[in-house]
Amino acid sequence: MKYYIQRELNEYGPYTLADLQRYVGQGSILLTDMTRSEGMTEWVPVSQVIGNIPVPSAAPPIQTPGMVYGGTPANPGAGTVYGGTGMNYGGQPTAQAGYAPVPPDFHWALVLLIGFFTCGLFIWAWLIVEAAFVKKIKPGSNALIFAILTVCSGFLGVFINGISGAMNHGQSNPLGGLLSFAGLIFYIVSAFQIKSDLEEYYNSVEPIRLQLSGVMTFFFNVYYFQHHFSRIAQWKKTGVLAPQG
């Protein structure tokens, strides 16, 4: 049975199942790339076709017509995926090719420093940035909703308490306190939703065996996630995945 690969609206192939295994092993075809056989009407991820079939270790690319490395696309004039160079469209190593977006690459220490000088406001904003990225790789994620509720509840709580304190000689308003508490709950829920979604995605779609600590998520969430985002971003850019640490 022959298979075709779809990438950026172009089709490449056909390939045998052995071809798919070999090119996955080389990194020129990703498990997240879409494929279909000659008898299929729907495109499915390569991972569904290969399944639990062992992927052979990487071997030097064989440049023959129709192959990904320097091969001829199924659609005339579409060009090749790597042009026989082992590089993707952006000139990055093929192991990092794919459709998944690159996480925000911003050192966690800078997030901490800017958050300190902005009295924590930047931390709330960065939580939304992180949750928005999770939404990109996992559209069904609710982390962004909880992150927005965190910010809204927190700001409303601070605002109501500020108004109440100004009008009542420093006395806080119970509603403001309730909203602030709700913001804290939303914050924790958002953090653990991000943890769950990241582990699910990076152990299935892009399986790098990501394991996140519940304790670190509870106490250091935004900084902890950013550490891993930067690690994954560097992996996509350089092909080297640093230890989880």
Foldseek 3Di string as FASTA:
>chain_A
DWKWWDDPNFIFDTDDLLLLLQCCQQLLADQQTWMDGPPDDDTDGNCVVCPPPDRDHHDPDDDDERHQQLHATPDPPPDHQANNPCAGPVRFHSNLDDDQDQFDQDALVVLVVVCVVVVNPSVLVLQLSLLVSLCRLPVVQCLNVLSVLLVVLLVQLVVQQVVCCVVPVHDGDVSSVVSNVSSLVSQLVSLVSSQVSVQVCCCPRVPPNDDDDPVCSNPPRSSLVNVQSNQRNVCSRHVDRDDSD
